[in-house]
Protein backbone atom coordinates (compact mmCIF):
# COMPACT_ATOMS: atom_id res chain seq x y z
CA MET A 1 115.55 103.47 87.61
CA MET A 2 115.29 106.34 85.29
CA ALA A 3 113.82 109.70 86.26
CA ALA A 4 112.62 111.44 82.85
CA TRP A 5 109.70 113.19 81.44
CA GLY A 6 109.35 110.90 78.79
CA LYS A 7 111.38 110.99 75.51
CA PRO A 8 115.25 110.44 75.63
CA GLY A 9 116.66 113.81 75.33
CA SER A 10 113.78 115.60 76.73
CA LEU A 11 113.36 118.11 79.88
CA GLY A 12 114.52 116.09 82.75
CA SER A 13 115.98 112.74 80.78
CA GLU A 14 119.62 113.84 81.57
CA ASN A 15 118.82 116.19 84.63
CA SER A 16 122.08 114.97 86.82
CA ASP A 17 119.74 116.52 89.60
CA ASP A 18 117.11 114.06 89.40
CA ARG A 19 117.66 111.95 92.28
CA ILE A 20 116.37 108.38 93.07
CA GLU A 21 117.73 107.12 96.51
CA LEU A 22 116.76 104.16 98.62
CA ILE A 23 115.92 105.20 102.10
CA GLU A 24 114.57 104.00 104.98
CA ASP A 25 110.94 104.05 105.85
CA THR A 26 111.18 107.09 108.56
CA ALA A 27 110.35 110.59 108.73
CA GLU A 28 113.74 111.96 109.69
CA ALA A 29 114.85 109.97 106.51
CA ARG A 30 112.14 111.86 104.26
CA ALA A 31 113.15 114.95 106.03
CA GLU A 32 116.79 114.44 105.53
CA PHE A 33 116.03 113.81 101.67
CA GLY A 34 113.68 116.65 101.83
CA GLU A 35 110.27 117.37 100.10
CA ASN A 36 111.75 119.94 97.53
CA PHE A 37 108.12 121.93 95.94
CA GLY A 38 106.08 118.98 97.09
CA ALA A 39 106.09 115.57 97.74
CA PHE A 40 104.25 112.59 96.71
CA GLU A 41 104.30 108.80 98.08
CA PHE A 42 103.68 105.84 96.19
CA LYS A 43 103.64 102.66 97.22
CA LEU A 44 103.97 99.49 94.98
CA THR A 45 102.54 96.18 95.80
CA ARG A 46 104.65 92.98 95.44
CA GLU A 47 103.48 92.27 92.34
CA GLN A 48 104.44 95.26 90.92
CA ILE A 49 107.88 94.90 92.11
CA GLU A 50 107.90 91.10 90.67
CA GLY A 51 106.47 92.74 87.33
CA LEU A 52 109.96 95.68 87.72
CA LEU A 53 111.87 92.54 87.81
CA ALA A 54 110.46 90.54 84.91
CA GLY A 55 110.80 93.63 82.26
CA LYS A 56 107.38 95.62 82.81
CA VAL A 57 106.81 99.07 83.56
CA VAL A 58 104.78 100.80 86.26
CA ALA A 59 102.59 103.31 84.87
CA PHE A 60 101.06 105.97 87.53
CA ASP A 61 99.30 109.28 87.86
CA ILE A 62 100.40 112.23 89.45
CA SER A 63 98.27 115.14 91.34
CA GLN A 64 94.90 113.69 89.99
CA ARG A 65 96.01 112.92 86.45
CA GLU A 66 97.73 116.11 86.00
CA TYR A 67 101.04 114.09 85.30
CA ALA A 68 102.19 110.71 84.47
CA GLY A 69 105.06 108.78 85.84
CA PHE A 70 106.87 105.69 84.48
CA MET A 71 109.38 103.34 86.82
CA SER A 72 110.97 100.78 85.03
CA VAL A 73 114.47 98.91 86.25
CA LYS A 74 117.83 100.45 84.95
CA LYS A 75 119.08 98.18 82.23
């Protein structure tokens, strides 16, 4: 998956500080990863995961529509 602000070359698109890791669903694992300046939790349905695997993008709002996020499977 790619963590980015949107367009290739834009803020965040090539940021090596962006981390996306698969961790255990425990408070300890979340604490170890850290919350940085805040934390959001997004839960995907099986249908959304299947859509990702079929080449679709999951689009979502963050912070009451202040930001948007887009999740896709890295090719």
